Amino acid sequence: MDRSVKLTYFGVRGKGEIIRLLLHVGKVDFVDERITKEDWPKLKPCMLFGQVPRLTWDGQELYQSNTIVRFVARKVLLVGKTEDDFTKADMLLEHSADFFKGKLRGLRFAEADSKQSLVDSFLQKFLPGWLEGAEKALKLGGGEFYAGDQLTFADIAVYAMLSFLMWKDEKGFQNVNAEDRFLIMDKYPMVKKNYLAVQSIPEVKKYEESRPDSFMPGM
C-alpha cells in the first residue's frame, strides 16, 4: 500500500533523531524535511504547538517527539510482543529523555566559563547513574534487549542518546576536556553490547553513512 510520510525537524541531531532512526530501521519510505533557522519563522505558525518535530503520516499530523516515537514504533512493529514489553520500552524512552532534555541539551548551550564544570558533573555524576539504570534494565530482561526478547523502540532510543555521547563533534563536549566519555561504556558491558548491535543494523549503518551534516549543532 502506498504511504505518505514526512518528518519535519531542524537539520540537527536532536530530539528528532530517535524518530529518524526508527523510521529507517522500520524501513519506512519517508521525506526527511530538514528545516533551517531561516525557514523557521514562517513555518512556526503552521505547527500545532509552535514547535517541531512534526510527523505527517497519510495526512495525519502528529507532534511531541515521544508521542511520535510510540506511534511509529507501533506502525513498524517495534513495540515488543506484549503490553509488558511495551511498558518496559516506554520506560527506557523516558530514561532517554532524561539524558537529552535534562542534561545534554544544557551542555550544548552552556557558557564557556562554566562548561567544563557542567561537563564534569555530567560525566562523573549523572552519566554513571544513567548507564547503571540501563545496565540493570538489560540484566532484568536477559541481557540482550531492553524490553522482551527482540528489538524495540527502547533499543533505538538508548542508542540515539549514546550516539550523541560518542559523536566526536558533539557541541556539548567541544572546547572542554571530555575524552573519558569515549571509554565509559566499557564499564557497562551489556549496554555496550546492545549499542554495538543496534549500530550494526544495516538500516542504521546506511543512514549514518549518508546522514547530512548537522548544520545547527547547538540546537
C-alpha atoms as a PDB file:
ATOM      1  CA  MET A   1       0.000   0.000   0.000  1.00  0.00           C
ATOM      2  CA  ASP A   2       1.307   3.455  -0.901  1.00  0.00           C
ATOM      3  CA  ARG A   3       2.032   5.613   2.101  1.00  0.00           C
ATOM      4  CA  SER A   4       2.902   9.283   2.505  1.00  0.00           C
ATOM      5  CA  VAL A   5       5.225  10.026   5.421  1.00  0.00           C
ATOM      6  CA  LYS A   6       7.206  13.180   6.166  1.00  0.00           C
ATOM      7  CA  LEU A   7       9.220  14.136   9.219  1.00  0.00           C
ATOM      8  CA  THR A   8       9.808  17.850   9.690  1.00  0.00           C
ATOM      9  CA  TYR A   9      12.619  18.842  12.030  1.00  0.00           C
ATOM     10  CA  PHE A  10      15.716  21.011  12.133  1.00  0.00           C
ATOM     11  CA  GLY A  11      18.884  19.831  10.436  1.00  0.00           C
ATOM     12  CA  VAL A  12      20.354  18.748  13.764  1.00  0.00           C
ATOM     13  CA  ARG A  13      20.945  15.649  15.809  1.00  0.00           C
ATOM     14  CA  GLY A  14      18.389  16.422  18.464  1.00  0.00           C
ATOM     15  CA  LYS A  15      15.122  15.058  19.767  1.00  0.00           C
ATOM     16  CA  GLY A  16      14.082  14.133  16.238  1.00  0.00           C
ATOM     17  CA  GLU A  17      16.981  11.714  15.800  1.00  0.00           C
ATOM     18  CA  ILE A  18      15.258   8.794  17.542  1.00  0.00           C
ATOM     19  CA  ILE A  19      12.370   9.209  15.108  1.00  0.00           C
ATOM     20  CA  ARG A  20      14.663   9.267  12.089  1.00  0.00           C
ATOM     21  CA  LEU A  21      16.435   6.121  13.254  1.00  0.00           C
ATOM     22  CA  LEU A  22      13.162   4.364  13.993  1.00  0.00           C
ATOM     23  CA  LEU A  23      11.762   5.177  10.560  1.00  0.00           C
ATOM     24  CA  HIS A  24      14.894   3.843   8.902  1.00  0.00           C
ATOM     25  CA  VAL A  25      15.006   0.667  10.993  1.00  0.00           C
ATOM     26  CA  GLY A  26      11.295   0.191  10.290  1.00  0.00           C
ATOM     27  CA  LYS A  27      12.043   0.522   6.548  1.00  0.00           C
ATOM     28  CA  VAL A  28       9.579   3.368   6.110  1.00  0.00           C
ATOM     29  CA  ASP A  29       9.969   5.383   2.923  1.00  0.00           C
ATOM     30  CA  PHE A  30       9.741   8.949   4.230  1.00  0.00           C
ATOM     31  CA  VAL A  31      10.677  12.526   3.431  1.00  0.00           C
ATOM     32  CA  ASP A  32      13.282  13.785   5.895  1.00  0.00           C
ATOM     33  CA  GLU A  33      12.485  17.503   5.779  1.00  0.00           C
ATOM     34  CA  ARG A  34      15.368  19.311   7.473  1.00  0.00           C
ATOM     35  CA  ILE A  35      14.492  22.938   8.021  1.00  0.00           C
ATOM     36  CA  THR A  36      16.866  25.833   8.690  1.00  0.00           C
ATOM     37  CA  LYS A  37      16.776  28.689  11.161  1.00  0.00           C
ATOM     38  CA  GLU A  38      15.839  30.907   8.244  1.00  0.00           C
ATOM     39  CA  ASP A  39      12.858  28.674   7.422  1.00  0.00           C
ATOM     40  CA  TRP A  40      11.581  28.554  10.984  1.00  0.00           C
ATOM     41  CA  PRO A  41       9.870  31.965  11.446  1.00  0.00           C
ATOM     42  CA  LYS A  42       7.461  31.330   8.581  1.00  0.00           C
ATOM     43  CA  LEU A  43       6.917  27.654   9.462  1.00  0.00           C
ATOM     44  CA  LYS A  44       6.384  28.057  13.208  1.00  0.00           C
ATOM     45  CA  PRO A  45       2.809  29.430  12.946  1.00  0.00           C
ATOM     46  CA  CYS A  46       1.869  26.360  10.884  1.00  0.00           C
ATOM     47  CA  MET A  47       2.817  23.985  13.707  1.00  0.00           C
ATOM     48  CA  LEU A  48       0.095  22.932  16.159  1.00  0.00           C
ATOM     49  CA  PHE A  49       2.142  23.797  19.245  1.00  0.00           C
ATOM     50  CA  GLY A  50       4.603  26.112  17.522  1.00  0.00           C
ATOM     51  CA  GLN A  51       7.338  23.500  17.624  1.00  0.00           C
ATOM     52  CA  VAL A  52       8.877  20.505  15.861  1.00  0.00           C
ATOM     53  CA  PRO A  53       9.301  17.618  15.261  1.00  0.00           C
ATOM     54  CA  ARG A  54       6.156  17.098  13.242  1.00  0.00           C
ATOM     55  CA  LEU A  55       5.301  13.793  11.594  1.00  0.00           C
ATOM     56  CA  THR A  56       2.807  13.649   8.766  1.00  0.00           C
ATOM     57  CA  TRP A  57       1.573  10.096   8.180  1.00  0.00           C
ATOM     58  CA  ASP A  58      -1.017   9.620   5.456  1.00  0.00           C
ATOM     59  CA  GLY A  59      -2.407  13.087   6.143  1.00  0.00           C
ATOM     60  CA  GLN A  60      -2.414  12.745   9.931  1.00  0.00           C
ATOM     61  CA  GLU A  61      -0.224  15.290  11.742  1.00  0.00           C
ATOM     62  CA  LEU A  62       1.484  14.327  14.985  1.00  0.00           C
ATOM     63  CA  TYR A  63       3.555  16.402  17.390  1.00  0.00           C
ATOM     64  CA  GLN A  64       5.597  15.824  20.569  1.00  0.00           C
ATOM     65  CA  SER A  65       8.674  13.712  19.977  1.00  0.00           C
ATOM     66  CA  ASN A  66       7.940  10.784  22.298  1.00  0.00           C
ATOM     67  CA  THR A  67       4.345  10.554  21.073  1.00  0.00           C
ATOM     68  CA  ILE A  68       5.697  10.285  17.536  1.00  0.00           C
ATOM     69  CA  VAL A  69       8.213   7.621  18.623  1.00  0.00           C
ATOM     70  CA  ARG A  70       5.436   5.481  20.120  1.00  0.00           C
ATOM     71  CA  PHE A  71       3.241   5.966  17.063  1.00  0.00           C
ATOM     72  CA  VAL A  72       5.969   4.957  14.619  1.00  0.00           C
ATOM     73  CA  ALA A  73       7.049   2.040  16.801  1.00  0.00           C
ATOM     74  CA  ARG A  74       3.532   0.633  16.662  1.00  0.00           C
ATOM     75  CA  LYS A  75       3.331   1.136  12.913  1.00  0.00           C
ATOM     76  CA  VAL A  76       6.612  -0.684  12.271  1.00  0.00           C
ATOM     77  CA  LEU A  77       6.026  -3.389  14.909  1.00  0.00           C
ATOM     78  CA  LEU A  78       8.912  -2.427  17.192  1.00  0.00           C
ATOM     79  CA  VAL A  79       6.895  -2.436  20.419  1.00  0.00           C
ATOM     80  CA  GLY A  80       7.596  -5.963  21.617  1.00  0.00           C
ATOM     81  CA  LYS A  81       5.227  -8.885  21.831  1.00  0.00           C
ATOM     82  CA  THR A  82       3.234  -7.972  24.945  1.00  0.00           C
ATOM     83  CA  GLU A  83       1.870  -4.973  26.793  1.00  0.00           C
ATOM     84  CA  ASP A  84       4.572  -5.556  29.399  1.00  0.00           C
ATOM     85  CA  ASP A  85       7.218  -5.308  26.667  1.00  0.00           C
ATOM     86  CA  PHE A  86       5.733  -2.013  25.512  1.00  0.00           C
ATOM     87  CA  THR A  87       5.676  -0.619  29.059  1.00  0.00           C
ATOM     88  CA  LYS A  88       9.309  -1.537  29.624  1.00  0.00           C
ATOM     89  CA  ALA A  89      10.274   0.006  26.312  1.00  0.00           C
ATOM     90  CA  ASP A  90       8.375   3.149  27.235  1.00  0.00           C
ATOM     91  CA  MET A  91      10.329   3.423  30.485  1.00  0.00           C
ATOM     92  CA  LEU A  92      13.575   3.398  28.523  1.00  0.00           C
ATOM     93  CA  LEU A  93      12.224   6.040  26.161  1.00  0.00           C
ATOM     94  CA  GLU A  94      11.603   8.309  29.141  1.00  0.00           C
ATOM     95  CA  HIS A  95      15.024   7.368  30.533  1.00  0.00           C
ATOM     96  CA  SER A  96      16.466   8.594  27.239  1.00  0.00           C
ATOM     97  CA  ALA A  97      14.531  11.840  27.549  1.00  0.00           C
ATOM     98  CA  ASP A  98      16.258  12.441  30.895  1.00  0.00           C
ATOM     99  CA  PHE A  99      19.593  12.177  29.091  1.00  0.00           C
ATOM    100  CA  PHE A 100      18.800  14.623  26.327  1.00  0.00           C
ATOM    101  CA  LYS A 101      16.378  17.232  27.613  1.00  0.00           C
ATOM    102  CA  GLY A 102      17.556  17.300  31.193  1.00  0.00           C
ATOM    103  CA  LYS A 103      21.302  17.135  30.627  1.00  0.00           C
ATOM    104  CA  LEU A 104      22.893  17.067  27.174  1.00  0.00           C
ATOM    105  CA  ARG A 105      20.874  19.949  25.790  1.00  0.00           C
ATOM    106  CA  GLY A 106      22.103  22.117  28.671  1.00  0.00           C
ATOM    107  CA  LEU A 107      25.723  21.345  27.806  1.00  0.00           C
ATOM    108  CA  ARG A 108      25.152  22.460  24.220  1.00  0.00           C
ATOM    109  CA  PHE A 109      24.071  25.906  25.403  1.00  0.00           C
ATOM    110  CA  ALA A 110      26.456  26.269  28.359  1.00  0.00           C
ATOM    111  CA  GLU A 111      28.529  29.412  28.789  1.00  0.00           C
ATOM    112  CA  ALA A 112      32.230  28.889  28.141  1.00  0.00           C
ATOM    113  CA  ASP A 113      33.338  29.779  31.673  1.00  0.00           C
ATOM    114  CA  SER A 114      31.038  27.199  33.281  1.00  0.00           C
ATOM    115  CA  LYS A 115      31.074  24.477  30.654  1.00  0.00           C
ATOM    116  CA  GLN A 116      33.925  22.355  31.998  1.00  0.00           C
ATOM    117  CA  SER A 117      32.354  22.056  35.436  1.00  0.00           C
ATOM    118  CA  LEU A 118      28.995  21.158  33.888  1.00  0.00           C
ATOM    119  CA  VAL A 119      30.606  18.524  31.660  1.00  0.00           C
ATOM    120  CA  ASP A 120      32.496  17.089  34.635  1.00  0.00           C
ATOM    121  CA  SER A 121      29.251  16.831  36.579  1.00  0.00           C
ATOM    122  CA  PHE A 122      27.541  15.163  33.625  1.00  0.00           C
ATOM    123  CA  LEU A 123      30.306  12.604  33.088  1.00  0.00           C
ATOM    124  CA  GLN A 124      31.094  11.886  36.729  1.00  0.00           C
ATOM    125  CA  LYS A 125      27.713  12.171  38.439  1.00  0.00           C
ATOM    126  CA  PHE A 126      24.789  11.948  36.019  1.00  0.00           C
ATOM    127  CA  LEU A 127      26.070   9.576  33.350  1.00  0.00           C
ATOM    128  CA  PRO A 128      27.252   6.671  35.558  1.00  0.00           C
ATOM    129  CA  GLY A 129      23.859   6.517  37.245  1.00  0.00           C
ATOM    130  CA  TRP A 130      22.056   6.760  33.929  1.00  0.00           C
ATOM    131  CA  LEU A 131      24.149   3.971  32.431  1.00  0.00           C
ATOM    132  CA  GLU A 132      23.760   1.825  35.540  1.00  0.00           C
ATOM    133  CA  GLY A 133      19.991   2.096  35.186  1.00  0.00           C
ATOM    134  CA  ALA A 134      20.212   0.984  31.568  1.00  0.00           C
ATOM    135  CA  GLU A 135      22.517  -1.892  32.528  1.00  0.00           C
ATOM    136  CA  LYS A 136      20.062  -3.058  35.190  1.00  0.00           C
ATOM    137  CA  ALA A 137      17.189  -2.903  32.705  1.00  0.00           C
ATOM    138  CA  LEU A 138      19.113  -5.114  30.291  1.00  0.00           C
ATOM    139  CA  LYS A 139      20.047  -7.575  33.026  1.00  0.00           C
ATOM    140  CA  LEU A 140      16.432  -7.893  34.123  1.00  0.00           C
ATOM    141  CA  GLY A 141      15.439  -8.615  30.534  1.00  0.00           C
ATOM    142  CA  GLY A 142      18.087 -11.243  29.868  1.00  0.00           C
ATOM    143  CA  GLY A 143      20.970  -9.013  28.784  1.00  0.00           C
ATOM    144  CA  GLU A 144      20.313  -8.522  25.079  1.00  0.00           C
ATOM    145  CA  PHE A 145      17.322  -6.192  24.660  1.00  0.00           C
ATOM    146  CA  TYR A 146      15.753  -3.575  26.911  1.00  0.00           C
ATOM    147  CA  ALA A 147      12.218  -4.921  26.523  1.00  0.00           C
ATOM    148  CA  GLY A 148      11.332  -8.519  25.804  1.00  0.00           C
ATOM    149  CA  ASP A 149      13.383 -10.786  23.579  1.00  0.00           C
ATOM    150  CA  GLN A 150      13.559  -8.629  20.457  1.00  0.00           C
ATOM    151  CA  LEU A 151      14.476  -5.179  19.203  1.00  0.00           C
ATOM    152  CA  THR A 152      12.079  -2.403  20.239  1.00  0.00           C
ATOM    153  CA  PHE A 153      11.966   1.368  20.233  1.00  0.00           C
ATOM    154  CA  ALA A 154      13.743   1.226  23.605  1.00  0.00           C
ATOM    155  CA  ASP A 155      16.936  -0.017  21.984  1.00  0.00           C
ATOM    156  CA  ILE A 156      16.712   2.692  19.323  1.00  0.00           C
ATOM    157  CA  ALA A 157      16.117   5.415  21.917  1.00  0.00           C
ATOM    158  CA  VAL A 158      19.064   4.446  24.113  1.00  0.00           C
ATOM    159  CA  TYR A 159      21.272   4.032  21.065  1.00  0.00           C
ATOM    160  CA  ALA A 160      20.422   7.537  19.883  1.00  0.00           C
ATOM    161  CA  MET A 161      21.497   9.033  23.225  1.00  0.00           C
ATOM    162  CA  LEU A 162      24.727   7.075  23.314  1.00  0.00           C
ATOM    163  CA  SER A 163      25.481   8.063  19.742  1.00  0.00           C
ATOM    164  CA  PHE A 164      25.433  11.702  20.900  1.00  0.00           C
ATOM    165  CA  LEU A 165      27.919  10.736  23.624  1.00  0.00           C
ATOM    166  CA  MET A 166      30.204   9.015  21.097  1.00  0.00           C
ATOM    167  CA  TRP A 167      29.921  11.715  18.424  1.00  0.00           C
ATOM    168  CA  LYS A 168      33.329  13.412  18.250  1.00  0.00           C
ATOM    169  CA  ASP A 169      31.751  16.665  17.028  1.00  0.00           C
ATOM    170  CA  GLU A 170      29.043  16.831  19.699  1.00  0.00           C
ATOM    171  CA  LYS A 171      28.837  20.511  20.636  1.00  0.00           C
ATOM    172  CA  GLY A 172      28.100  19.723  24.261  1.00  0.00           C
ATOM    173  CA  PHE A 173      31.676  18.466  24.641  1.00  0.00           C
ATOM    174  CA  GLN A 174      33.559  20.898  22.445  1.00  0.00           C
ATOM    175  CA  ASN A 175      36.365  23.048  23.890  1.00  0.00           C
ATOM    176  CA  VAL A 176      36.494  21.101  27.164  1.00  0.00           C
ATOM    177  CA  ASN A 177      38.239  18.000  28.480  1.00  0.00           C
ATOM    178  CA  ALA A 178      35.734  15.208  27.869  1.00  0.00           C
ATOM    179  CA  GLU A 179      37.802  12.330  26.480  1.00  0.00           C
ATOM    180  CA  ASP A 180      36.609   9.945  29.218  1.00  0.00           C
ATOM    181  CA  ARG A 181      33.235   9.760  27.508  1.00  0.00           C
ATOM    182  CA  PHE A 182      34.588   7.503  24.777  1.00  0.00           C
ATOM    183  CA  LEU A 183      35.550   4.777  27.277  1.00  0.00           C
ATOM    184  CA  ILE A 184      32.757   4.947  29.813  1.00  0.00           C
ATOM    185  CA  MET A 185      30.617   2.249  28.182  1.00  0.00           C
ATOM    186  CA  ASP A 186      33.396  -0.260  28.887  1.00  0.00           C
ATOM    187  CA  LYS A 187      32.149  -0.310  32.492  1.00  0.00           C
ATOM    188  CA  TYR A 188      28.659  -1.321  31.342  1.00  0.00           C
ATOM    189  CA  PRO A 189      29.202  -4.353  29.081  1.00  0.00           C
ATOM    190  CA  MET A 190      25.553  -5.143  28.365  1.00  0.00           C
ATOM    191  CA  VAL A 191      24.853  -1.529  27.414  1.00  0.00           C
ATOM    192  CA  LYS A 192      27.886  -1.507  25.134  1.00  0.00           C
ATOM    193  CA  LYS A 193      26.898  -4.809  23.509  1.00  0.00           C
ATOM    194  CA  ASN A 194      23.368  -3.520  22.847  1.00  0.00           C
ATOM    195  CA  TYR A 195      24.751  -0.252  21.474  1.00  0.00           C
ATOM    196  CA  LEU A 196      27.064  -2.071  19.058  1.00  0.00           C
ATOM    197  CA  ALA A 197      24.258  -4.412  17.992  1.00  0.00           C
ATOM    198  CA  VAL A 198      21.992  -1.504  17.072  1.00  0.00           C
ATOM    199  CA  GLN A 199      24.867   0.273  15.352  1.00  0.00           C
ATOM    200  CA  SER A 200      25.385  -2.808  13.157  1.00  0.00           C
ATOM    201  CA  ILE A 201      21.768  -2.932  11.921  1.00  0.00           C
ATOM    202  CA  PRO A 202      22.042  -2.455   8.133  1.00  0.00           C
ATOM    203  CA  GLU A 203      19.457   0.348   8.040  1.00  0.00           C
ATOM    204  CA  VAL A 204      21.238   2.193  10.857  1.00  0.00           C
ATOM    205  CA  LYS A 205      24.616   1.843   9.154  1.00  0.00           C
ATOM    206  CA  LYS A 206      23.243   3.011   5.818  1.00  0.00           C
ATOM    207  CA  TYR A 207      21.552   6.037   7.377  1.00  0.00           C
ATOM    208  CA  GLU A 208      24.578   7.073   9.417  1.00  0.00           C
ATOM    209  CA  GLU A 209      26.876   6.748   6.433  1.00  0.00           C
ATOM    210  CA  SER A 210      24.646   9.054   4.365  1.00  0.00           C
ATOM    211  CA  ARG A 211      23.314  11.351   7.098  1.00  0.00           C
ATOM    212  CA  PRO A 212      23.649  15.072   6.264  1.00  0.00           C
ATOM    213  CA  ASP A 213      25.906  17.191   8.422  1.00  0.00           C
ATOM    214  CA  SER A 214      24.274  18.713  11.457  1.00  0.00           C
ATOM    215  CA  PHE A 215      24.401  22.333  10.336  1.00  0.00           C
ATOM    216  CA  MET A 216      22.955  23.754  13.561  1.00  0.00           C
ATOM    217  CA  PRO A 217      24.686  21.534  16.133  1.00  0.00           C
ATOM    218  CA  GLY A 218      23.835  23.797  19.046  1.00  0.00           C
ATOM    219  CA  MET A 219      20.081  23.368  18.892  1.00  0.00           C
END
